[in-house]
Amino acid sequence: MFTIELTLKYTALPLSIQKKTSEDAEAAYRSAVEAMRTGSPVLLELTCDQQPGKKVTAMVSELAAVQIFEKSSTATASGRPPGFFSMTAE
C-alpha cells in the first residue's frame, strides 16, 4: 500500500490517501505536484483505495508539500514512516 500525504500551509496535520499500486500512487503524486506547479486546477480531489468512500479535496493554493511512501514493515507502530516534522514561529 502506498500513501500520498498532502501538507497544508499553517496546518500541522497532513491529509493522506492510500493507493494499492505504485502506478496509481505515482499518478496521484504527479497530479498534486503539477497542480502545485501550475496552480491549476484550483481544487485538487484525490480518492483513497483503502477506504473506498474517502475523498480528500484541497485548495491548491494552500498546499505546502506532497510526499509519497510505501507502507512497509520498517514503519513505526503507528504506521507512519520514520522521521519528524517541525514548525517554528517567526
PDB file of N, CA and C in Angstrom:
ATOM      1  N   MET A   1       0.855  -1.170   0.000  1.00  0.00           N
ATOM      2  CA  MET A   1       0.000   0.000   0.000  1.00  0.00           C
ATOM      3  C   MET A   1       0.902   1.234   0.000  1.00  0.00           C
ATOM      4  N   PHE A   2       0.561   2.189  -0.826  1.00  0.00           N
ATOM      5  CA  PHE A   2       1.325   3.429  -0.943  1.00  0.00           C
ATOM      6  C   PHE A   2       0.485   4.569  -0.373  1.00  0.00           C
ATOM      7  N   THR A   3       1.121   5.473   0.357  1.00  0.00           N
ATOM      8  CA  THR A   3       0.441   6.604   0.961  1.00  0.00           C
ATOM      9  C   THR A   3       0.926   7.887   0.316  1.00  0.00           C
ATOM     10  N   ILE A   4      -0.016   8.766  -0.003  1.00  0.00           N
ATOM     11  CA  ILE A   4       0.293  10.098  -0.508  1.00  0.00           C
ATOM     12  C   ILE A   4      -0.195  11.074   0.554  1.00  0.00           C
ATOM     13  N   GLU A   5       0.709  11.901   1.068  1.00  0.00           N
ATOM     14  CA  GLU A   5       0.370  12.878   2.092  1.00  0.00           C
ATOM     15  C   GLU A   5       0.459  14.274   1.520  1.00  0.00           C
ATOM     16  N   LEU A   6      -0.544  15.080   1.819  1.00  0.00           N
ATOM     17  CA  LEU A   6      -0.564  16.482   1.445  1.00  0.00           C
ATOM     18  C   LEU A   6      -0.414  17.308   2.712  1.00  0.00           C
ATOM     19  N   THR A   7       0.549  18.208   2.732  1.00  0.00           N
ATOM     20  CA  THR A   7       0.734  19.105   3.860  1.00  0.00           C
ATOM     21  C   THR A   7       0.197  20.464   3.459  1.00  0.00           C
ATOM     22  N   LEU A   8      -0.700  20.997   4.296  1.00  0.00           N
ATOM     23  CA  LEU A   8      -1.286  22.300   4.031  1.00  0.00           C
ATOM     24  C   LEU A   8      -0.540  23.381   4.797  1.00  0.00           C
ATOM     25  N   LYS A   9      -0.524  24.579   4.241  1.00  0.00           N
ATOM     26  CA  LYS A   9       0.116  25.715   4.905  1.00  0.00           C
ATOM     27  C   LYS A   9      -0.571  25.963   6.246  1.00  0.00           C
ATOM     28  N   TYR A  10       0.227  26.249   7.267  1.00  0.00           N
ATOM     29  CA  TYR A  10      -0.254  26.598   8.611  1.00  0.00           C
ATOM     30  C   TYR A  10      -1.043  25.482   9.284  1.00  0.00           C
ATOM     31  N   THR A  11      -0.865  24.243   8.832  1.00  0.00           N
ATOM     32  CA  THR A  11      -1.562  23.096   9.412  1.00  0.00           C
ATOM     33  C   THR A  11      -0.544  21.998   9.698  1.00  0.00           C
ATOM     34  N   ALA A  12      -0.503  21.546  10.941  1.00  0.00           N
ATOM     35  CA  ALA A  12       0.490  20.542  11.331  1.00  0.00           C
ATOM     36  C   ALA A  12       0.105  19.129  10.885  1.00  0.00           C
ATOM     37  N   LEU A  13      -1.178  18.857  10.769  1.00  0.00           N
ATOM     38  CA  LEU A  13      -1.616  17.509  10.408  1.00  0.00           C
ATOM     39  C   LEU A  13      -1.791  17.387   8.898  1.00  0.00           C
ATOM     40  N   PRO A  14      -1.176  16.368   8.293  1.00  0.00           N
ATOM     41  CA  PRO A  14      -1.312  16.193   6.841  1.00  0.00           C
ATOM     42  C   PRO A  14      -2.620  15.487   6.477  1.00  0.00           C
ATOM     43  N   LEU A  15      -3.035  15.661   5.238  1.00  0.00           N
ATOM     44  CA  LEU A  15      -4.135  14.884   4.659  1.00  0.00           C
ATOM     45  C   LEU A  15      -3.492  13.720   3.931  1.00  0.00           C
ATOM     46  N   SER A  16      -4.088  12.543   3.998  1.00  0.00           N
ATOM     47  CA  SER A  16      -3.458  11.396   3.334  1.00  0.00           C
ATOM     48  C   SER A  16      -4.496  10.488   2.691  1.00  0.00           C
ATOM     49  N   ILE A  17      -4.048   9.831   1.629  1.00  0.00           N
ATOM     50  CA  ILE A  17      -4.826   8.794   0.962  1.00  0.00           C
ATOM     51  C   ILE A  17      -3.899   7.620   0.700  1.00  0.00           C
ATOM     52  N   GLN A  18      -4.490   6.455   0.433  1.00  0.00           N
ATOM     53  CA  GLN A  18      -3.704   5.260   0.136  1.00  0.00           C
ATOM     54  C   GLN A  18      -4.080   4.760  -1.255  1.00  0.00           C
ATOM     55  N   LYS A  19      -3.071   4.272  -1.965  1.00  0.00           N
ATOM     56  CA  LYS A  19      -3.257   3.654  -3.278  1.00  0.00           C
ATOM     57  C   LYS A  19      -2.651   2.261  -3.242  1.00  0.00           C
ATOM     58  N   LYS A  20      -3.269   1.320  -3.941  1.00  0.00           N
ATOM     59  CA  LYS A  20      -2.817  -0.068  -3.920  1.00  0.00           C
ATOM     60  C   LYS A  20      -1.591  -0.309  -4.784  1.00  0.00           C
ATOM     61  N   THR A  21      -1.506   0.359  -5.928  1.00  0.00           N
ATOM     62  CA  THR A  21      -0.400   0.095  -6.847  1.00  0.00           C
ATOM     63  C   THR A  21       0.547   1.290  -6.936  1.00  0.00           C
ATOM     64  N   SER A  22       1.769   0.978  -7.296  1.00  0.00           N
ATOM     65  CA  SER A  22       2.779   2.014  -7.472  1.00  0.00           C
ATOM     66  C   SER A  22       2.377   2.998  -8.568  1.00  0.00           C
ATOM     67  N   GLU A  23       1.788   2.492  -9.637  1.00  0.00           N
ATOM     68  CA  GLU A  23       1.388   3.351 -10.760  1.00  0.00           C
ATOM     69  C   GLU A  23       0.307   4.341 -10.348  1.00  0.00           C
ATOM     70  N   ASP A  24      -0.691   3.872  -9.599  1.00  0.00           N
ATOM     71  CA  ASP A  24      -1.759   4.760  -9.135  1.00  0.00           C
ATOM     72  C   ASP A  24      -1.227   5.807  -8.165  1.00  0.00           C
ATOM     73  N   ALA A  25      -0.314   5.391  -7.284  1.00  0.00           N
ATOM     74  CA  ALA A  25       0.283   6.316  -6.321  1.00  0.00           C
ATOM     75  C   ALA A  25       1.111   7.379  -7.033  1.00  0.00           C
ATOM     76  N   GLU A  26       1.902   6.958  -8.013  1.00  0.00           N
ATOM     77  CA  GLU A  26       2.713   7.915  -8.781  1.00  0.00           C
ATOM     78  C   GLU A  26       1.827   8.893  -9.541  1.00  0.00           C
ATOM     79  N   ALA A  27       0.710   8.411 -10.092  1.00  0.00           N
ATOM     80  CA  ALA A  27      -0.204   9.291 -10.826  1.00  0.00           C
ATOM     81  C   ALA A  27      -0.820  10.338  -9.898  1.00  0.00           C
ATOM     82  N   ALA A  28      -1.225   9.933  -8.705  1.00  0.00           N
ATOM     83  CA  ALA A  28      -1.792  10.880  -7.738  1.00  0.00           C
ATOM     84  C   ALA A  28      -0.736  11.886  -7.290  1.00  0.00           C
ATOM     85  N   TYR A  29       0.481  11.399  -7.053  1.00  0.00           N
ATOM     86  CA  TYR A  29       1.584  12.276  -6.656  1.00  0.00           C
ATOM     87  C   TYR A  29       1.886  13.295  -7.761  1.00  0.00           C
ATOM     88  N   ARG A  30       1.984  12.810  -8.995  1.00  0.00           N
ATOM     89  CA  ARG A  30       2.269  13.722 -10.119  1.00  0.00           C
ATOM     90  C   ARG A  30       1.174  14.756 -10.305  1.00  0.00           C
ATOM     91  N   SER A  31      -0.086  14.366 -10.133  1.00  0.00           N
ATOM     92  CA  SER A  31      -1.171  15.334 -10.290  1.00  0.00           C
ATOM     93  C   SER A  31      -1.108  16.406  -9.206  1.00  0.00           C
ATOM     94  N   ALA A  32      -0.726  16.026  -7.979  1.00  0.00           N
ATOM     95  CA  ALA A  32      -0.588  17.014  -6.903  1.00  0.00           C
ATOM     96  C   ALA A  32       0.582  17.952  -7.170  1.00  0.00           C
ATOM     97  N   VAL A  33       1.709  17.407  -7.600  1.00  0.00           N
ATOM     98  CA  VAL A  33       2.881  18.234  -7.886  1.00  0.00           C
ATOM     99  C   VAL A  33       2.596  19.188  -9.053  1.00  0.00           C
ATOM    100  N   GLU A  34       1.960  18.680 -10.089  1.00  0.00           N
ATOM    101  CA  GLU A  34       1.636  19.522 -11.244  1.00  0.00           C
ATOM    102  C   GLU A  34       0.654  20.628 -10.865  1.00  0.00           C
ATOM    103  N   ALA A  35      -0.314  20.314 -10.024  1.00  0.00           N
ATOM    104  CA  ALA A  35      -1.260  21.326  -9.556  1.00  0.00           C
ATOM    105  C   ALA A  35      -0.534  22.405  -8.748  1.00  0.00           C
ATOM    106  N   MET A  36       0.421  21.993  -7.898  1.00  0.00           N
ATOM    107  CA  MET A  36       1.194  22.972  -7.129  1.00  0.00           C
ATOM    108  C   MET A  36       2.040  23.844  -8.054  1.00  0.00           C
ATOM    109  N   ARG A  37       2.602  23.236  -9.092  1.00  0.00           N
ATOM    110  CA  ARG A  37       3.479  23.952 -10.017  1.00  0.00           C
ATOM    111  C   ARG A  37       2.708  24.990 -10.831  1.00  0.00           C
ATOM    112  N   THR A  38       1.530  24.617 -11.322  1.00  0.00           N
ATOM    113  CA  THR A  38       0.787  25.489 -12.229  1.00  0.00           C
ATOM    114  C   THR A  38      -0.325  26.295 -11.559  1.00  0.00           C
ATOM    115  N   GLY A  39      -0.795  25.839 -10.400  1.00  0.00           N
ATOM    116  CA  GLY A  39      -1.923  26.499  -9.752  1.00  0.00           C
ATOM    117  C   GLY A  39      -3.259  26.106 -10.370  1.00  0.00           C
ATOM    118  N   SER A  40      -3.236  25.124 -11.250  1.00  0.00           N
ATOM    119  CA  SER A  40      -4.454  24.683 -11.918  1.00  0.00           C
ATOM    120  C   SER A  40      -4.537  23.167 -11.816  1.00  0.00           C
ATOM    121  N   PRO A  41      -5.629  22.613 -11.449  1.00  0.00           N
ATOM    122  CA  PRO A  41      -6.916  23.210 -11.118  1.00  0.00           C
ATOM    123  C   PRO A  41      -6.868  23.904  -9.761  1.00  0.00           C
ATOM    124  N   VAL A  42      -7.894  24.667  -9.452  1.00  0.00           N
ATOM    125  CA  VAL A  42      -7.948  25.393  -8.180  1.00  0.00           C
ATOM    126  C   VAL A  42      -8.130  24.415  -7.026  1.00  0.00           C
ATOM    127  N   LEU A  43      -8.950  23.386  -7.228  1.00  0.00           N
ATOM    128  CA  LEU A  43      -9.180  22.354  -6.221  1.00  0.00           C
ATOM    129  C   LEU A  43      -8.576  21.037  -6.694  1.00  0.00           C
ATOM    130  N   LEU A  44      -7.919  20.331  -5.787  1.00  0.00           N
ATOM    131  CA  LEU A  44      -7.346  19.028  -6.083  1.00  0.00           C
ATOM    132  C   LEU A  44      -8.142  17.990  -5.300  1.00  0.00           C
ATOM    133  N   GLU A  45      -8.746  17.039  -6.001  1.00  0.00           N
ATOM    134  CA  GLU A  45      -9.508  15.978  -5.352  1.00  0.00           C
ATOM    135  C   GLU A  45      -8.818  14.641  -5.578  1.00  0.00           C
ATOM    136  N   LEU A  46      -8.584  13.914  -4.498  1.00  0.00           N
ATOM    137  CA  LEU A  46      -7.961  12.599  -4.558  1.00  0.00           C
ATOM    138  C   LEU A  46      -8.853  11.598  -3.839  1.00  0.00           C
ATOM    139  N   THR A  47      -8.871  10.367  -4.310  1.00  0.00           N
ATOM    140  CA  THR A  47      -9.664   9.313  -3.684  1.00  0.00           C
ATOM    141  C   THR A  47      -8.741   8.251  -3.105  1.00  0.00           C
ATOM    142  N   CYS A  48      -9.253   7.530  -2.122  1.00  0.00           N
ATOM    143  CA  CYS A  48      -8.473   6.528  -1.400  1.00  0.00           C
ATOM    144  C   CYS A  48      -8.894   5.128  -1.829  1.00  0.00           C
ATOM    145  N   ASP A  49      -7.924   4.240  -2.051  1.00  0.00           N
ATOM    146  CA  ASP A  49      -8.216   2.848  -2.395  1.00  0.00           C
ATOM    147  C   ASP A  49      -8.516   2.001  -1.163  1.00  0.00           C
ATOM    148  N   GLN A  50      -7.895   2.324  -0.035  1.00  0.00           N
ATOM    149  CA  GLN A  50      -8.081   1.521   1.170  1.00  0.00           C
ATOM    150  C   GLN A  50      -9.479   1.741   1.755  1.00  0.00           C
ATOM    151  N   GLN A  51      -9.948   2.978   1.759  1.00  0.00           N
ATOM    152  CA  GLN A  51     -11.289   3.307   2.233  1.00  0.00           C
ATOM    153  C   GLN A  51     -12.051   3.883   1.043  1.00  0.00           C
ATOM    154  N   PRO A  52     -12.802   3.062   0.316  1.00  0.00           N
ATOM    155  CA  PRO A  52     -13.412   3.484  -0.949  1.00  0.00           C
ATOM    156  C   PRO A  52     -14.255   4.754  -0.870  1.00  0.00           C
ATOM    157  N   GLY A  53     -14.883   5.048   0.237  1.00  0.00           N
ATOM    158  CA  GLY A  53     -15.703   6.255   0.350  1.00  0.00           C
ATOM    159  C   GLY A  53     -14.919   7.502   0.700  1.00  0.00           C
ATOM    160  N   LYS A  54     -13.625   7.363   0.976  1.00  0.00           N
ATOM    161  CA  LYS A  54     -12.812   8.501   1.421  1.00  0.00           C
ATOM    162  C   LYS A  54     -12.331   9.316   0.223  1.00  0.00           C
ATOM    163  N   LYS A  55     -12.609  10.615   0.280  1.00  0.00           N
ATOM    164  CA  LYS A  55     -12.122  11.561  -0.723  1.00  0.00           C
ATOM    165  C   LYS A  55     -11.506  12.739   0.006  1.00  0.00           C
ATOM    166  N   VAL A  56     -10.448  13.287  -0.558  1.00  0.00           N
ATOM    167  CA  VAL A  56      -9.782  14.457   0.011  1.00  0.00           C
ATOM    168  C   VAL A  56      -9.768  15.536  -1.065  1.00  0.00           C
ATOM    169  N   THR A  57     -10.221  16.721  -0.714  1.00  0.00           N
ATOM    170  CA  THR A  57     -10.178  17.856  -1.625  1.00  0.00           C
ATOM    171  C   THR A  57      -9.480  19.003  -0.909  1.00  0.00           C
ATOM    172  N   ALA A  58      -8.530  19.621  -1.589  1.00  0.00           N
ATOM    173  CA  ALA A  58      -7.780  20.738  -1.006  1.00  0.00           C
ATOM    174  C   ALA A  58      -7.616  21.831  -2.042  1.00  0.00           C
ATOM    175  N   MET A  59      -7.575  23.061  -1.572  1.00  0.00           N
ATOM    176  CA  MET A  59      -7.283  24.177  -2.464  1.00  0.00           C
ATOM    177  C   MET A  59      -5.796  24.121  -2.792  1.00  0.00           C
ATOM    178  N   VAL A  60      -5.465  24.153  -4.051  1.00  0.00           N
ATOM    179  CA  VAL A  60      -4.078  24.034  -4.488  1.00  0.00           C
ATOM    180  C   VAL A  60      -3.228  25.167  -3.915  1.00  0.00           C
ATOM    181  N   SER A  61      -3.792  26.342  -3.776  1.00  0.00           N
ATOM    182  CA  SER A  61      -3.032  27.479  -3.239  1.00  0.00           C
ATOM    183  C   SER A  61      -2.621  27.268  -1.783  1.00  0.00           C
ATOM    184  N   GLU A  62      -3.257  26.326  -1.076  1.00  0.00           N
ATOM    185  CA  GLU A  62      -2.934  26.052   0.323  1.00  0.00           C
ATOM    186  C   GLU A  62      -1.985  24.876   0.510  1.00  0.00           C
ATOM    187  N   LEU A  63      -1.591  24.205  -0.578  1.00  0.00           N
ATOM    188  CA  LEU A  63      -0.668  23.071  -0.474  1.00  0.00           C
ATOM    189  C   LEU A  63       0.754  23.576  -0.243  1.00  0.00           C
ATOM    190  N   ALA A  64       1.416  23.002   0.739  1.00  0.00           N
ATOM    191  CA  ALA A  64       2.805  23.353   1.030  1.00  0.00           C
ATOM    192  C   ALA A  64       3.758  22.254   0.576  1.00  0.00           C
ATOM    193  N   ALA A  65       3.321  20.986   0.659  1.00  0.00           N
ATOM    194  CA  ALA A  65       4.193  19.867   0.299  1.00  0.00           C
ATOM    195  C   ALA A  65       3.357  18.637   0.014  1.00  0.00           C
ATOM    196  N   VAL A  66       3.957  17.732  -0.747  1.00  0.00           N
ATOM    197  CA  VAL A  66       3.334  16.436  -1.011  1.00  0.00           C
ATOM    198  C   VAL A  66       4.435  15.387  -0.935  1.00  0.00           C
ATOM    199  N   GLN A  67       4.113  14.241  -0.339  1.00  0.00           N
ATOM    200  CA  GLN A  67       5.099  13.161  -0.285  1.00  0.00           C
ATOM    201  C   GLN A  67       4.405  11.838  -0.538  1.00  0.00           C
ATOM    202  N   ILE A  68       5.191  10.899  -1.017  1.00  0.00           N
ATOM    203  CA  ILE A  68       4.693   9.555  -1.298  1.00  0.00           C
ATOM    204  C   ILE A  68       5.641   8.569  -0.609  1.00  0.00           C
ATOM    205  N   PHE A  69       5.061   7.532  -0.005  1.00  0.00           N
ATOM    206  CA  PHE A  69       5.891   6.488   0.594  1.00  0.00           C
ATOM    207  C   PHE A  69       5.111   5.186   0.618  1.00  0.00           C
ATOM    208  N   GLU A  70       5.853   4.098   0.681  1.00  0.00           N
ATOM    209  CA  GLU A  70       5.253   2.773   0.739  1.00  0.00           C
ATOM    210  C   GLU A  70       5.187   2.334   2.185  1.00  0.00           C
ATOM    211  N   LYS A  71       4.022   1.865   2.588  1.00  0.00           N
ATOM    212  CA  LYS A  71       3.872   1.346   3.942  1.00  0.00           C
ATOM    213  C   LYS A  71       4.572  -0.007   3.988  1.00  0.00           C
ATOM    214  N   SER A  72       5.565  -0.134   4.870  1.00  0.00           N
ATOM    215  CA  SER A  72       6.329  -1.372   4.952  1.00  0.00           C
ATOM    216  C   SER A  72       6.507  -1.771   6.405  1.00  0.00           C
ATOM    217  N   SER A  73       7.179  -2.869   6.620  1.00  0.00           N
ATOM    218  CA  SER A  73       7.395  -3.358   7.980  1.00  0.00           C
ATOM    219  C   SER A  73       8.373  -2.483   8.751  1.00  0.00           C
ATOM    220  N   THR A  74       9.083  -1.566   8.069  1.00  0.00           N
ATOM    221  CA  THR A  74      10.020  -0.686   8.767  1.00  0.00           C
ATOM    222  C   THR A  74       9.334   0.537   9.355  1.00  0.00           C
ATOM    223  N   ALA A  75       8.034   0.700   9.067  1.00  0.00           N
ATOM    224  CA  ALA A  75       7.297   1.829   9.629  1.00  0.00           C
ATOM    225  C   ALA A  75       7.121   1.626  11.128  1.00  0.00           C
ATOM    226  N   THR A  76       6.881   2.698  11.828  1.00  0.00           N
ATOM    227  CA  THR A  76       6.678   2.627  13.269  1.00  0.00           C
ATOM    228  C   THR A  76       5.343   1.970  13.570  1.00  0.00           C
ATOM    229  N   ALA A  77       5.067   1.731  14.829  1.00  0.00           N
ATOM    230  CA  ALA A  77       3.826   1.070  15.232  1.00  0.00           C
ATOM    231  C   ALA A  77       2.599   1.861  14.805  1.00  0.00           C
ATOM    232  N   SER A  78       2.730   3.168  14.655  1.00  0.00           N
ATOM    233  CA  SER A  78       1.588   3.990  14.248  1.00  0.00           C
ATOM    234  C   SER A  78       1.313   3.897  12.758  1.00  0.00           C
ATOM    235  N   GLY A  79       2.208   3.234  12.004  1.00  0.00           N
ATOM    236  CA  GLY A  79       2.021   3.127  10.567  1.00  0.00           C
ATOM    237  C   GLY A  79       2.626   4.279   9.797  1.00  0.00           C
ATOM    238  N   ARG A  80       3.292   5.185  10.493  1.00  0.00           N
ATOM    239  CA  ARG A  80       3.897   6.346   9.856  1.00  0.00           C
ATOM    240  C   ARG A  80       5.368   6.055   9.594  1.00  0.00           C
ATOM    241  N   PRO A  81       5.935   6.668   8.571  1.00  0.00           N
ATOM    242  CA  PRO A  81       7.344   6.439   8.278  1.00  0.00           C
ATOM    243  C   PRO A  81       8.229   7.078   9.334  1.00  0.00           C
ATOM    244  N   PRO A  82       9.448   6.586   9.511  1.00  0.00           N
ATOM    245  CA  PRO A  82      10.359   7.208  10.461  1.00  0.00           C
ATOM    246  C   PRO A  82      10.665   8.636  10.019  1.00  0.00           C
ATOM    247  N   GLY A  83      10.837   9.516  10.979  1.00  0.00           N
ATOM    248  CA  GLY A  83      11.154  10.907  10.661  1.00  0.00           C
ATOM    249  C   GLY A  83      10.416  11.828  11.613  1.00  0.00           C
ATOM    250  N   PHE A  84      10.484  13.128  11.337  1.00  0.00           N
ATOM    251  CA  PHE A  84       9.820  14.095  12.197  1.00  0.00           C
ATOM    252  C   PHE A  84       9.420  15.312  11.377  1.00  0.00           C
ATOM    253  N   PHE A  85       8.543  16.105  11.964  1.00  0.00           N
ATOM    254  CA  PHE A  85       8.062  17.326  11.344  1.00  0.00           C
ATOM    255  C   PHE A  85       8.201  18.423  12.369  1.00  0.00           C
ATOM    256  N   SER A  86       8.711  19.556  11.997  1.00  0.00           N
ATOM    257  CA  SER A  86       8.928  20.637  12.935  1.00  0.00           C
ATOM    258  C   SER A  86       8.469  21.946  12.330  1.00  0.00           C
ATOM    259  N   MET A  87       7.854  22.780  13.151  1.00  0.00           N
ATOM    260  CA  MET A  87       7.478  24.119  12.723  1.00  0.00           C
ATOM    261  C   MET A  87       8.017  25.096  13.747  1.00  0.00           C
ATOM    262  N   THR A  88       8.455  26.252  13.284  1.00  0.00           N
ATOM    263  CA  THR A  88       8.928  27.279  14.198  1.00  0.00           C
ATOM    264  C   THR A  88       8.134  28.542  13.981  1.00  0.00           C
ATOM    265  N   ALA A  89       7.935  29.271  15.035  1.00  0.00           N
ATOM    266  CA  ALA A  89       7.242  30.554  14.939  1.00  0.00           C
ATOM    267  C   ALA A  89       8.244  31.625  14.553  1.00  0.00           C
ATOM    268  N   GLU A  90       7.815  32.500  13.671  1.00  0.00           N
ATOM    269  CA  GLU A  90       8.707  33.584  13.227  1.00  0.00           C
ATOM    270  C   GLU A  90       8.281  34.883  13.839  1.00  0.00           C
TER     271      GLU A  90
END
